[in-house]
Every structure is written in C-alpha cells, then in structure tokens.
Amino acid sequence: MTDPAAKDFVILGGGTAGWMAACLLANQWRGRGATVTLIESKEIGIIGVGEGSTPQLKAFFDRLGIAEREWMPACDATYKNGISFHGWSNRPGYESYFHPFPAPIDNHTAAKFFYNTRARRTGRDVDAHPDRFFLPALLAATEKAPIAPEHFPFEPTYGYHFDAHKVGAFLADHATENLGVRHIEGRVENVERADNGDIAALITEDRSRIAGNFFLDCSGFRAILFNGALDEPFLPFSDNLFNDSAVVMPTTRADQTRLPSQTKATALSAGWVWDIPLTTRSGNGYVYSSSHIDAEAAECELRQHLGVGDTGEARHLKMRVGRVRNSWSHNALAIGLSQGFLEPLEATALHIVIATVEQFIGSFEAGDFTPEHRDSFNADIAARYEGIRDYIVCHYKVNRREDAAGIDYWAANRANQNLSDDLKSVLTSWYTGGDLTAEISRLGIGKYYSAISWHSLLAGYGTFPDDAKITPPGDDIVIHDVSEIQRFLDRCALNFDDHAQALSVFD
C-alpha cells in the first residue's frame, strides 16, 4: 500500500464539521507522515442549527479516545435517548410517539412489536403503539440517562445534546494540541487550479498560498470549492422536503430541577419546533416552509409556543436543502453544509459528516491514496443521503395533522406524490399488511434506518385501519401480554439513574 506521507490535506472552514474532519484525518494518518491544515476566517459566522446527534457521535469520540467526562462538561452536553414527536398526528392515542435509538436490549421486544403492528394493520385490535415496547422510550419518559451500570448485561445506544459552537472549539483544541493539525486564520479569496482540473492551492486575502494534495470543503452553504471552483452541481430536495427556513432562540429551562433526556419535536402550523435540553439552557428552533408562512409570522408562532413574548433575541436562517451531485470531485471532498443538508428532524447533520469522512478514509486507503474508488464512494454517499431523505419525507407524507386556518402545509405534504421507489415500496408493504422487515431487507435500506425505526414512525402516527374496521383478535393471532413487556422494561429501567444525577459524576 502506498504511504500517505506525501499527502498534505487542507481543510477550508472550521466549525464542528471542519474540526471533526481534521481530527479524523490526523488521527488516522499523522503517524504516517501526512499533514492536516485547517484554514478558517473568524469573520465568517457558524450557522450551528443543530445541537443533537445520533449514536454515531459516541463512536466518533470513542475512535479519538476522548472520554465523556472530558468533552461533555466543556460543551454543556446531555444524554439523548431519542426523539419524541408531538402533534404530528391527531388520531386519539397517537398524538405523540417516541423514536428510540435501537439497542441490543430491544431484541427482546422488537419481534413482538413487529407482530402487533402487522396484526393491527390487518384489522386486529391489539396494542401497537411503539412506546409500549422499547426501553429508551421509558428512560426518556422518566428522564433517566442511558448509562448502564457494569452489571447490566446490555450496552445502551444513545446520542447527545450539546452546544455546537463549544464542540467545535473543543475539537479545535484537541486537533491542534494533540493531533498536530496546523490552524491558519484567514479568508480565502481565490482557488488555484492545476492543468488537470485539480485544486493546487488556496490563496488568502493577504496573498498567502496554501498548497496541498487533497482539499476538504467545509465552508458551509457557500461551498467555495464545490459550488465555486469545481462547479459541482447541487441537487435540491425541495420537491418533497418543503422546509427551507428556521428561526432559533435559546431559553432557560422552565423547571431547573428536571433535565429531559430526549429531543422533543412538536408540529406547528408550517413545520415543527425542536426543544433540546442542555445543562445550561434549552435550544429551540422552528423549522418551516417559507412558502407557507413568512419569517415574521414564524417568529411570532415560535415565541407563542415558547411563552416568551417579546423577550429574547431570535435568529433567522435560510437552509439550502439538498446535496452536491458528487461529494468527492477531483482532489476534493465536500463535508458538512458544503456537501448538503437534510433538515434537522432526525439530527443527521453530524452523522453524515462522520460517515462521509470515515468512508473516505477507507476508500482512499483501499485505493492506495488514489481516486480509484471515487465513483463507488460517491454512489454510496448519494445512496445514504437518499435513504435518510426517504425516512424524513415519510414523517411528512403520513402525517395525520389538521392544518391551521389559511395554511395548507400539512395537507400539501400528505398530497405530495414525489416519492422515491423505495419509499413507495415501504408504504405499500405497510398499508397492505406485508412483512415490512423483510421489505426493508430486500431494499437494502436498513443500514440507514432500521426496521425498528420504520415501524416506530408508521405505528407512532397511528397509520392503521379506522377503529370501526378493527376487530378482536381471533385464534390465529398470538396475544402478547403488553403488561408483561411493561414489567420487563420497568425492571430494566431500575438499573438507570436520573439524568441530572448521571451527569453529576462530571462535577
């Protein structure tokens, strides 16, 4: 295998995405002679829309050898069992549901959940609400942390809530102090190209020339390298993801004695609002469609939802939802908002950053540090975007919420027929009483969202036959004792501490 000693990696842009990439590259190759340089301008602000993660973030810190007690207190971080959805369905009994991060303990209850959802889909009166079947839902409901004691035989799966700016700063310190990453402050004004179209160097405002062998574009929605120098086409997702704007504002937690361990996503008139609990505050943001509500009305609706009146400053953001056609073009890789953006409904932004860089590392090494595997890499990353996109689109497509007067947002989402073939197959299997787990396996999409996730979403909305068409289960239906499942989960939950108490070990 070719040694990367001659490879100089140059990253344009900092923020969480840039410093994550810097840490992963330096951690992998610095011992073999490669160099990593990150250039950023302090004059350019960081958007920092999301403050939640998937379990991929834990794997990221584990890979770097950074313990939770090192980074979590420095970044106001809390634990995340999953996401609860409120108001996306008006069907009685299904006004809310919880989407867990699937974990090994769920193998004891998932099959019964799948069975009951299929029985319910075929008109049998059995309990099929996802919250009854999974431990993370109970931990979130009781505000417990997903940290198990040594004697508990199953490893929980969880994410985090955090201050995105502080995570970026923490990783910058780690990269420069421990991993040898070179940090340059400056604004890039020109991109120098080689005769073959590759990027040769970045030219800063003071005429400094920063040369490299490989470049990473972490310049945010500006995408200086990909949408500028390389002119890589951007593929918008506006045909089935309507939300293109957000208004955000932090608040103090109403009850300082309580610390939730879940993200809360509440439907409003033209989108939804997140509630993310940090140790010092709550992060809030209304993600909405500017075609259905204007910025002033959206801010007013957010303030009313939060009960803050005119107090506090709100920040308005525009979102470019979609992805670049190729994430690896010439000798450059797009990361973060330069690469693409899927609205923060499932907190996938950093998940995609980590997955992209890690897959690039594997592909680059497998090809002896040449573009041999570039095409297959781009196909895999594109498929990941589309797989996540389908899952998010499904949230809107199957909603059962009534629109507010004068706004047709939720009805328009239900009526939208711009669905991928994979999503059509998933919905067909669900509505016809098919084996959804088998269909997910056949489509090969379980690596993006598991069968537990798909079943939880569709069952959580109550997308079952009308109550008038539900009949008592007959002899052909196995009656699972849901109360026994509840007792099992209750006993498991005894092993877990209150969320605030679990974080107190960092003090």
Protein backbone atom coordinates (compact mmCIF):
# COMPACT_ATOMS: atom_id res chain seq x y z
CA MET A 1 0.00 0.00 0.00
CA THR A 2 1.19 3.48 -0.84
CA ASP A 3 2.18 5.53 2.19
CA PRO A 4 0.31 8.84 2.72
CA ALA A 5 3.50 10.60 3.82
CA ALA A 6 3.40 12.91 0.79
CA LYS A 7 -0.25 13.81 1.32
CA ASP A 8 -0.96 17.29 2.60
CA PHE A 9 -4.64 17.69 3.46
CA VAL A 10 -6.06 21.21 3.50
CA ILE A 11 -9.46 21.91 5.06
CA LEU A 12 -11.31 25.10 4.18
CA GLY A 13 -13.58 26.10 7.03
CA GLY A 14 -13.81 25.27 10.71
CA GLY A 15 -16.94 24.78 12.74
CA THR A 16 -17.93 21.38 14.01
CA ALA A 17 -17.72 19.74 10.57
CA GLY A 18 -14.26 21.11 9.74
CA TRP A 19 -12.70 20.20 13.05
CA MET A 20 -14.32 16.77 13.04
CA ALA A 21 -12.76 16.10 9.65
CA ALA A 22 -9.40 17.41 10.84
CA CYS A 23 -9.45 15.14 13.89
CA LEU A 24 -10.40 12.04 11.92
CA LEU A 25 -7.78 12.59 9.20
CA ALA A 26 -4.98 13.44 11.62
CA ASN A 27 -5.90 10.59 13.94
CA GLN A 28 -5.71 8.14 11.03
CA TRP A 29 -2.65 9.32 9.13
CA ARG A 30 -0.47 11.73 11.10
CA GLY A 31 1.66 8.83 12.34
CA ARG A 32 2.47 8.01 8.74
CA GLY A 33 3.71 11.43 7.75
CA ALA A 34 0.56 13.11 6.42
CA THR A 35 -0.16 16.73 7.38
CA VAL A 36 -3.51 18.38 8.04
CA THR A 37 -4.02 22.14 7.77
CA LEU A 38 -7.28 23.92 8.52
CA ILE A 39 -7.90 27.47 7.39
CA GLU A 40 -10.85 29.50 8.59
CA SER A 41 -11.94 33.10 8.90
CA LYS A 42 -13.24 34.25 12.26
CA GLU A 43 -15.23 36.89 10.36
CA ILE A 44 -17.49 34.21 8.93
CA GLY A 45 -20.09 33.05 11.41
CA ILE A 46 -21.02 29.44 12.11
CA ILE A 47 -24.66 28.54 11.50
CA GLY A 48 -24.88 25.90 14.23
CA VAL A 49 -28.51 24.91 13.56
CA GLY A 50 -28.36 21.52 15.26
CA GLU A 51 -27.48 20.68 18.81
CA GLY A 52 -28.37 17.00 18.80
CA SER A 53 -26.76 13.84 17.48
CA THR A 54 -27.27 10.23 16.60
CA PRO A 55 -25.21 7.45 18.30
CA GLN A 56 -22.55 7.98 15.62
CA LEU A 57 -21.16 10.85 17.71
CA LYS A 58 -20.32 8.50 20.58
CA ALA A 59 -18.43 6.26 18.16
CA PHE A 60 -16.58 9.34 16.91
CA PHE A 61 -15.33 10.32 20.35
CA ASP A 62 -14.52 6.71 21.16
CA ARG A 63 -12.42 6.50 17.99
CA LEU A 64 -10.46 9.56 19.08
CA GLY A 65 -10.06 8.19 22.61
CA ILE A 66 -11.88 11.14 24.18
CA ALA A 67 -13.89 10.24 27.28
CA GLU A 68 -17.31 11.74 28.01
CA ARG A 69 -16.00 13.36 31.19
CA GLU A 70 -13.52 15.28 29.03
CA TRP A 71 -15.83 16.77 26.43
CA MET A 72 -19.38 16.72 27.79
CA PRO A 73 -18.98 19.24 30.65
CA ALA A 74 -16.98 21.55 28.36
CA CYS A 75 -19.81 21.55 25.80
CA ASP A 76 -22.88 21.75 28.09
CA ALA A 77 -23.74 18.28 26.81
CA THR A 78 -26.53 15.98 27.96
CA TYR A 79 -27.59 12.46 27.03
CA LYS A 80 -30.18 11.69 24.36
CA ASN A 81 -32.30 8.53 24.34
CA GLY A 82 -34.04 9.52 21.12
CA ILE A 83 -36.68 11.90 19.79
CA SER A 84 -40.31 12.30 20.83
CA PHE A 85 -42.77 13.61 18.25
CA HIS A 86 -45.79 15.62 19.32
CA GLY A 87 -48.77 16.80 17.33
CA TRP A 88 -47.85 15.14 14.03
CA SER A 89 -50.99 13.03 14.31
CA ASN A 90 -54.41 13.95 15.66
CA ARG A 91 -55.57 10.34 15.92
CA PRO A 92 -56.63 9.61 19.53
CA GLY A 93 -53.97 7.61 21.33
CA TYR A 94 -51.30 8.53 18.80
CA GLU A 95 -50.88 12.25 19.46
CA SER A 96 -47.23 11.55 20.33
CA TYR A 97 -44.70 8.78 19.99
CA PHE A 98 -41.02 8.17 20.72
CA HIS A 99 -38.36 7.18 18.18
CA PRO A 100 -35.68 5.17 20.04
CA PHE A 101 -32.11 4.52 19.03
CA PRO A 102 -32.26 0.73 18.51
CA ALA A 103 -30.12 -1.10 21.07
CA PRO A 104 -29.32 -4.77 21.90
CA ILE A 105 -31.92 -4.83 24.70
CA ASP A 106 -34.61 -4.13 22.08
CA ASN A 107 -34.06 -7.57 20.56
CA HIS A 108 -36.16 -8.92 23.45
CA THR A 109 -39.24 -6.88 22.48
CA ALA A 110 -38.89 -5.83 18.84
CA ALA A 111 -40.34 -9.04 17.34
CA LYS A 112 -43.48 -8.68 19.46
CA PHE A 113 -43.80 -5.06 18.35
CA PHE A 114 -43.44 -6.02 14.70
CA TYR A 115 -46.01 -8.78 15.15
CA ASN A 116 -48.52 -6.48 16.82
CA THR A 117 -48.14 -3.75 14.21
CA ARG A 118 -48.81 -6.29 11.44
CA ALA A 119 -51.83 -7.65 13.30
CA ARG A 120 -53.12 -4.11 13.77
CA ARG A 121 -52.52 -3.30 10.11
CA THR A 122 -54.66 -6.26 9.15
CA GLY A 123 -57.52 -5.09 11.36
CA ARG A 124 -56.92 -6.79 14.71
CA ASP A 125 -57.44 -4.97 17.99
CA VAL A 126 -54.01 -5.34 19.60
CA ASP A 127 -51.75 -2.73 21.20
CA ALA A 128 -49.22 -1.49 18.64
CA HIS A 129 -48.01 1.85 19.97
CA PRO A 130 -44.17 1.85 19.87
CA ASP A 131 -43.77 3.48 23.28
CA ARG A 132 -45.01 0.28 24.95
CA PHE A 133 -42.19 -1.87 23.61
CA PHE A 134 -38.80 -0.19 23.97
CA LEU A 135 -36.60 0.68 26.93
CA PRO A 136 -35.31 4.04 25.55
CA ALA A 137 -38.89 5.32 25.44
CA LEU A 138 -39.31 4.51 29.13
CA LEU A 139 -35.95 6.05 30.04
CA ALA A 140 -36.90 9.23 28.19
CA ALA A 141 -40.37 9.36 29.79
CA THR A 142 -38.81 9.07 33.26
CA GLU A 143 -35.90 11.43 32.48
CA LYS A 144 -33.22 8.82 33.02
CA ALA A 145 -29.80 8.72 31.40
CA PRO A 146 -28.91 5.80 29.09
CA ILE A 147 -25.83 4.93 31.15
CA ALA A 148 -25.96 1.37 32.43
CA PRO A 149 -24.04 0.02 35.45
CA GLU A 150 -21.37 -2.60 34.98
CA HIS A 151 -23.68 -5.44 35.99
CA PHE A 152 -26.32 -4.63 33.34
CA PRO A 153 -25.64 -7.10 30.51
CA PHE A 154 -26.71 -4.89 27.58
CA GLU A 155 -24.89 -1.88 26.18
CA PRO A 156 -27.32 1.03 25.65
CA THR A 157 -27.28 3.02 22.41
CA TYR A 158 -27.59 6.78 22.72
CA GLY A 159 -26.76 10.18 21.33
CA TYR A 160 -26.12 13.58 22.86
CA HIS A 161 -27.37 17.15 23.05
CA PHE A 162 -24.64 19.80 23.05
CA ASP A 163 -23.62 23.36 22.27
CA ALA A 164 -22.38 23.10 18.67
CA HIS A 165 -20.05 26.09 18.98
CA LYS A 166 -18.40 24.63 22.08
CA VAL A 167 -17.97 21.22 20.45
CA GLY A 168 -16.23 22.93 17.53
CA ALA A 169 -13.93 24.82 19.90
CA PHE A 170 -13.18 21.66 21.91
CA LEU A 171 -12.26 19.72 18.78
CA ALA A 172 -10.11 22.61 17.54
CA ASP A 173 -8.08 22.47 20.74
CA HIS A 174 -7.79 18.69 20.55
CA ALA A 175 -6.76 18.76 16.90
CA THR A 176 -4.08 21.42 17.30
CA GLU A 177 -2.72 20.37 20.71
CA ASN A 178 -2.87 16.58 20.43
CA LEU A 179 -3.03 15.69 16.75
CA GLY A 180 -0.65 18.19 15.18
CA VAL A 181 -3.22 19.94 12.98
CA ARG A 182 -1.98 23.27 11.66
CA HIS A 183 -4.51 26.09 12.13
CA ILE A 184 -4.48 29.21 9.93
CA GLU A 185 -6.80 32.16 10.34
CA GLY A 186 -7.60 33.96 7.12
CA ARG A 187 -10.13 34.46 4.37
CA VAL A 188 -9.67 32.57 1.12
CA GLU A 189 -10.14 34.82 -1.89
CA ASN A 190 -9.02 32.60 -4.76
CA VAL A 191 -8.64 28.94 -5.65
CA GLU A 192 -5.68 27.92 -7.81
CA ARG A 193 -6.35 25.05 -10.22
CA ALA A 194 -3.86 22.66 -11.82
CA ASP A 195 -3.90 21.86 -15.53
CA ASN A 196 -5.85 18.64 -14.91
CA GLY A 197 -8.59 20.49 -13.02
CA ASP A 198 -7.42 19.50 -9.54
CA ILE A 199 -7.11 22.14 -6.85
CA ALA A 200 -3.48 23.16 -6.36
CA ALA A 201 -3.69 25.79 -3.64
CA LEU A 202 -5.87 28.25 -1.75
CA ILE A 203 -4.93 31.93 -1.94
CA THR A 204 -5.81 34.08 1.07
CA GLU A 205 -6.61 37.78 1.26
CA ASP A 206 -3.00 38.53 2.27
CA ARG A 207 -1.79 36.61 -0.82
CA SER A 208 -0.56 33.61 1.16
CA ARG A 209 -0.57 30.43 -0.89
CA ILE A 210 -1.67 27.26 0.93
CA ALA A 211 -0.82 24.29 -1.24
CA GLY A 212 -1.96 20.72 -0.72
CA ASN A 213 -2.54 17.36 -2.33
CA PHE A 214 -6.13 16.97 -1.18
CA PHE A 215 -8.71 19.55 -0.10
CA LEU A 216 -11.83 19.40 2.03
CA ASP A 217 -14.62 21.95 1.58
CA CYS A 218 -16.15 22.78 4.96
CA SER A 219 -17.11 26.34 4.02
CA GLY A 220 -20.81 25.92 4.79
CA PHE A 221 -23.61 26.81 2.40
CA ARG A 222 -21.16 29.00 0.47
CA ALA A 223 -19.41 25.80 -0.73
CA ILE A 224 -16.47 27.81 -2.04
CA LEU A 225 -14.69 24.84 -3.58
CA PHE A 226 -17.59 22.70 -4.79
CA ASN A 227 -20.19 25.21 -5.94
CA GLY A 228 -17.49 27.73 -6.82
CA ALA A 229 -14.17 26.50 -8.16
CA LEU A 230 -15.26 22.95 -9.09
CA ASP A 231 -18.76 23.94 -10.19
CA GLU A 232 -20.19 20.70 -8.86
CA PRO A 233 -23.98 20.65 -9.45
CA PHE A 234 -26.27 20.97 -6.44
CA LEU A 235 -29.36 18.76 -6.37
CA PRO A 236 -32.20 20.41 -4.41
CA PHE A 237 -34.69 18.34 -2.42
CA SER A 238 -37.46 20.95 -2.47
CA ASP A 239 -39.84 18.69 -4.39
CA ASN A 240 -40.59 16.68 -1.27
CA LEU A 241 -38.89 18.50 1.62
CA PHE A 242 -40.66 21.85 1.82
CA ASN A 243 -38.89 23.37 4.82
CA ASP A 244 -36.24 25.91 3.83
CA SER A 245 -36.03 28.28 6.80
CA ALA A 246 -35.62 28.33 10.55
CA VAL A 247 -35.92 30.77 13.41
CA VAL A 248 -33.95 29.86 16.53
CA MET A 249 -33.65 31.17 20.07
CA PRO A 250 -32.37 29.73 23.35
CA THR A 251 -34.37 29.84 26.56
CA THR A 252 -33.79 28.96 30.17
CA ARG A 253 -35.36 25.67 31.17
CA ALA A 254 -38.72 26.30 32.81
CA ASP A 255 -38.04 23.76 35.57
CA GLN A 256 -34.39 23.69 36.60
CA THR A 257 -34.99 20.62 38.79
CA ARG A 258 -35.75 18.48 35.74
CA LEU A 259 -33.46 17.50 32.90
CA PRO A 260 -35.10 15.70 29.98
CA SER A 261 -33.09 13.05 28.14
CA GLN A 262 -34.79 13.37 24.77
CA THR A 263 -35.18 15.81 21.92
CA LYS A 264 -38.76 16.99 21.54
CA ALA A 265 -40.13 17.72 18.03
CA THR A 266 -43.50 19.48 18.11
CA ALA A 267 -45.53 20.16 14.97
CA LEU A 268 -46.65 23.77 14.37
CA SER A 269 -48.64 25.34 11.55
CA ALA A 270 -45.98 25.24 8.82
CA GLY A 271 -43.26 22.97 10.19
CA TRP A 272 -42.03 21.88 13.57
CA VAL A 273 -40.07 23.16 16.55
CA TRP A 274 -37.25 21.41 18.38
CA ASP A 275 -36.63 21.52 22.12
CA ILE A 276 -33.12 20.39 23.03
CA PRO A 277 -32.13 20.30 26.72
CA LEU A 278 -28.57 21.35 27.55
CA THR A 279 -27.09 21.65 31.02
CA THR A 280 -27.27 25.46 30.88
CA ARG A 281 -30.29 26.17 28.68
CA SER A 282 -32.77 24.82 26.18
CA GLY A 283 -32.13 25.13 22.47
CA ASN A 284 -35.24 25.90 20.44
CA GLY A 285 -35.84 26.35 16.74
CA TYR A 286 -38.80 26.44 14.37
CA VAL A 287 -38.06 24.77 11.03
CA TYR A 288 -40.65 25.90 8.50
CA SER A 289 -41.60 26.37 4.85
CA SER A 290 -41.32 29.97 3.70
CA SER A 291 -43.88 29.16 1.00
CA HIS A 292 -46.47 28.63 3.73
CA ILE A 293 -45.54 31.19 6.38
CA ASP A 294 -43.32 34.28 6.39
CA ALA A 295 -40.42 34.91 8.76
CA GLU A 296 -42.26 37.39 10.97
CA ALA A 297 -45.24 35.10 11.46
CA ALA A 298 -42.94 32.13 12.11
CA GLU A 299 -41.07 34.03 14.82
CA CYS A 300 -44.37 35.08 16.39
CA GLU A 301 -45.58 31.48 16.39
CA LEU A 302 -42.32 30.27 17.96
CA ARG A 303 -42.48 32.91 20.67
CA GLN A 304 -46.06 31.97 21.42
CA HIS A 305 -45.13 28.30 21.59
CA LEU A 306 -42.27 29.05 24.00
CA GLY A 307 -44.33 31.51 26.02
CA VAL A 308 -41.60 34.18 25.94
CA GLY A 309 -43.50 37.10 24.43
CA ASP A 310 -41.14 39.75 23.06
CA THR A 311 -38.22 38.83 25.31
CA GLY A 312 -35.05 37.29 23.92
CA GLU A 313 -33.40 37.63 20.55
CA ALA A 314 -34.37 35.35 17.67
CA ARG A 315 -32.04 34.44 14.81
CA HIS A 316 -33.33 33.71 11.31
CA LEU A 317 -31.68 31.20 8.97
CA LYS A 318 -32.15 30.08 5.39
CA MET A 319 -31.46 26.44 4.60
CA ARG A 320 -30.24 25.02 1.30
CA VAL A 321 -31.80 21.56 1.43
CA GLY A 322 -30.28 19.01 -0.94
CA ARG A 323 -26.82 17.68 -1.79
CA VAL A 324 -24.00 18.10 -4.26
CA ARG A 325 -24.06 15.54 -7.06
CA ASN A 326 -20.65 14.14 -6.11
CA SER A 327 -19.18 14.51 -2.62
CA TRP A 328 -15.70 13.62 -3.94
CA SER A 329 -14.74 15.63 -7.02
CA HIS A 330 -11.22 15.82 -8.44
CA ASN A 331 -8.93 16.01 -5.38
CA ALA A 332 -11.55 17.50 -3.07
CA LEU A 333 -14.17 16.27 -0.63
CA ALA A 334 -17.29 18.20 0.41
CA ILE A 335 -18.16 17.96 4.10
CA GLY A 336 -20.99 19.42 6.18
CA LEU A 337 -23.18 22.12 4.70
CA SER A 338 -20.93 22.33 1.64
CA GLN A 339 -21.86 18.75 0.89
CA GLY A 340 -25.56 19.01 1.58
CA PHE A 341 -28.21 19.49 4.20
CA LEU A 342 -31.21 17.48 5.31
CA GLU A 343 -33.35 19.43 7.73
CA PRO A 344 -32.56 18.65 11.39
CA LEU A 345 -35.62 16.48 12.04
CA GLU A 346 -33.54 13.36 12.72
CA ALA A 347 -30.30 15.14 13.78
CA THR A 348 -28.34 13.61 10.91
CA ALA A 349 -26.02 16.52 10.03
CA LEU A 350 -23.01 15.39 12.07
CA HIS A 351 -23.86 11.76 11.43
CA ILE A 352 -23.32 12.36 7.71
CA VAL A 353 -20.11 14.31 8.36
CA ILE A 354 -18.62 11.43 10.33
CA ALA A 355 -19.87 8.76 7.93
CA THR A 356 -18.51 10.65 4.91
CA VAL A 357 -15.03 11.21 6.34
CA GLU A 358 -14.73 7.67 7.68
CA GLN A 359 -15.82 6.17 4.37
CA PHE A 360 -13.44 8.47 2.52
CA ILE A 361 -10.58 7.28 4.73
CA GLY A 362 -11.43 3.67 3.95
CA SER A 363 -11.86 4.28 0.21
CA PHE A 364 -8.70 6.37 -0.09
CA GLU A 365 -6.60 3.77 1.69
CA ALA A 366 -8.15 0.90 -0.29
CA GLY A 367 -7.19 2.69 -3.49
CA ASP A 368 -3.58 3.34 -2.38
CA PHE A 369 -4.38 7.04 -1.94
CA THR A 370 -5.63 7.44 -5.49
CA PRO A 371 -9.14 8.18 -6.83
CA GLU A 372 -9.61 4.53 -7.78
CA HIS A 373 -12.73 4.13 -5.61
CA ARG A 374 -14.09 7.65 -6.08
CA ASP A 375 -17.10 6.60 -8.17
CA SER A 376 -18.22 3.86 -5.79
CA PHE A 377 -17.69 6.23 -2.85
CA ASN A 378 -19.89 8.87 -4.47
CA ALA A 379 -22.59 6.32 -5.21
CA ASP A 380 -22.58 5.11 -1.59
CA ILE A 381 -22.77 8.63 -0.14
CA ALA A 382 -25.56 9.58 -2.55
CA ALA A 383 -27.49 6.47 -1.50
CA ARG A 384 -27.03 7.42 2.16
CA TYR A 385 -28.49 10.87 1.53
CA GLU A 386 -31.42 9.40 -0.36
CA GLY A 387 -32.03 6.79 2.34
CA ILE A 388 -32.13 9.40 5.09
CA ARG A 389 -34.20 11.67 2.86
CA ASP A 390 -36.84 8.94 2.40
CA TYR A 391 -37.19 8.47 6.14
CA ILE A 392 -37.61 12.19 6.75
CA VAL A 393 -40.05 12.58 3.85
CA CYS A 394 -42.12 9.77 5.35
CA HIS A 395 -42.66 11.83 8.51
CA TYR A 396 -44.45 14.43 6.41
CA LYS A 397 -46.18 12.13 3.93
CA VAL A 398 -48.03 10.07 6.55
CA ASN A 399 -48.85 12.94 8.95
CA ARG A 400 -52.38 12.98 10.35
CA ARG A 401 -52.47 16.61 11.45
CA GLU A 402 -55.12 19.17 10.56
CA ASP A 403 -53.99 22.46 9.04
CA ALA A 404 -54.46 25.82 10.71
CA ALA A 405 -56.86 28.25 9.05
CA GLY A 406 -55.42 29.67 5.85
CA ILE A 407 -52.38 27.34 5.80
CA ASP A 408 -52.31 24.15 3.73
CA TYR A 409 -48.88 22.90 4.80
CA TRP A 410 -49.77 19.53 6.31
CA ALA A 411 -52.34 18.69 3.64
CA ALA A 412 -49.81 19.58 0.93
CA ASN A 413 -47.30 17.18 2.48
CA ARG A 414 -49.86 14.36 2.56
CA ALA A 415 -50.79 15.03 -1.06
CA ASN A 416 -47.19 15.15 -2.28
CA GLN A 417 -46.53 12.31 -4.72
CA ASN A 418 -42.82 13.00 -5.24
CA LEU A 419 -41.71 9.82 -3.53
CA SER A 420 -38.82 7.52 -4.34
CA ASP A 421 -39.46 3.96 -5.45
CA ASP A 422 -38.01 2.72 -2.16
CA LEU A 423 -40.39 4.82 -0.09
CA LYS A 424 -43.33 3.75 -2.24
CA SER A 425 -42.37 0.13 -1.61
CA VAL A 426 -42.16 0.71 2.15
CA LEU A 427 -45.58 2.35 2.26
CA THR A 428 -47.15 -0.29 0.02
CA SER A 429 -45.84 -3.05 2.29
CA TRP A 430 -47.15 -1.26 5.37
CA TYR A 431 -50.63 -0.46 4.07
CA THR A 432 -51.18 -3.90 2.52
CA GLY A 433 -50.21 -5.76 5.68
CA GLY A 434 -46.94 -7.04 4.26
CA ASP A 435 -43.80 -8.06 6.10
CA LEU A 436 -42.15 -4.67 6.43
CA THR A 437 -38.97 -6.05 7.99
CA ALA A 438 -38.45 -8.33 5.00
CA GLU A 439 -39.18 -5.48 2.60
CA ILE A 440 -36.62 -3.22 4.29
CA SER A 441 -34.07 -6.02 3.98
CA ARG A 442 -34.94 -6.58 0.31
CA LEU A 443 -34.50 -2.89 -0.47
CA GLY A 444 -31.19 -2.76 1.42
CA ILE A 445 -32.20 0.39 3.34
CA GLY A 446 -31.90 -0.97 6.87
CA LYS A 447 -28.36 0.42 7.10
CA TYR A 448 -29.83 3.93 7.05
CA TYR A 449 -32.84 3.34 9.30
CA SER A 450 -33.59 0.03 10.93
CA ALA A 451 -36.86 -1.89 10.91
CA ILE A 452 -37.46 -0.62 14.45
CA SER A 453 -37.22 2.97 13.23
CA TRP A 454 -39.60 2.44 10.29
CA HIS A 455 -42.15 0.55 12.39
CA SER A 456 -41.96 3.18 15.14
CA LEU A 457 -42.59 6.02 12.69
CA LEU A 458 -45.52 4.43 10.91
CA ALA A 459 -47.13 2.93 14.02
CA GLY A 460 -46.45 6.05 16.08
CA TYR A 461 -48.70 8.12 13.83
CA GLY A 462 -51.48 5.54 14.13
CA THR A 463 -51.44 4.70 10.43
CA PHE A 464 -53.75 1.75 10.96
CA PRO A 465 -57.29 0.94 9.75
CA ASP A 466 -60.00 3.11 11.26
CA ASP A 467 -61.26 1.97 14.64
CA ALA A 468 -64.59 0.95 13.09
CA LYS A 469 -62.72 -1.62 10.98
CA ILE A 470 -60.75 -3.10 13.89
CA THR A 471 -61.98 -6.47 15.15
CA PRO A 472 -61.00 -8.55 18.19
CA PRO A 473 -58.08 -10.91 17.54
CA GLY A 474 -59.09 -14.48 16.78
CA ASP A 475 -57.39 -17.79 17.45
CA ASP A 476 -54.96 -17.12 14.60
CA ILE A 477 -53.43 -14.17 16.48
CA VAL A 478 -50.92 -14.63 19.29
CA ILE A 479 -51.88 -12.41 22.21
CA HIS A 480 -48.73 -10.80 23.56
CA ASP A 481 -49.13 -9.66 27.15
CA VAL A 482 -48.18 -5.98 26.91
CA SER A 483 -48.32 -5.66 30.67
CA GLU A 484 -45.61 -8.32 30.92
CA ILE A 485 -43.49 -6.34 28.44
CA GLN A 486 -44.02 -3.28 30.62
CA ARG A 487 -42.86 -5.18 33.72
CA PHE A 488 -39.74 -6.30 31.84
CA LEU A 489 -38.95 -2.72 30.82
CA ASP A 490 -39.69 -1.42 34.33
CA ARG A 491 -37.22 -3.88 35.83
CA CYS A 492 -34.60 -2.93 33.25
CA ALA A 493 -35.13 0.77 33.98
CA LEU A 494 -34.30 0.22 37.66
CA ASN A 495 -30.65 -0.03 36.58
CA PHE A 496 -30.53 3.52 35.25
CA ASP A 497 -30.05 6.79 37.13
CA ASP A 498 -31.84 10.09 36.90
CA HIS A 499 -30.36 12.15 34.05
CA ALA A 500 -29.12 15.02 36.23
CA GLN A 501 -27.64 12.58 38.72
CA ALA A 502 -25.81 10.71 35.97
CA LEU A 503 -24.22 13.97 34.77
CA SER A 504 -23.20 14.95 38.31
CA VAL A 505 -20.28 12.49 38.16
CA PHE A 506 -18.56 15.02 35.86
CA ASP A 507 -18.60 17.74 38.52
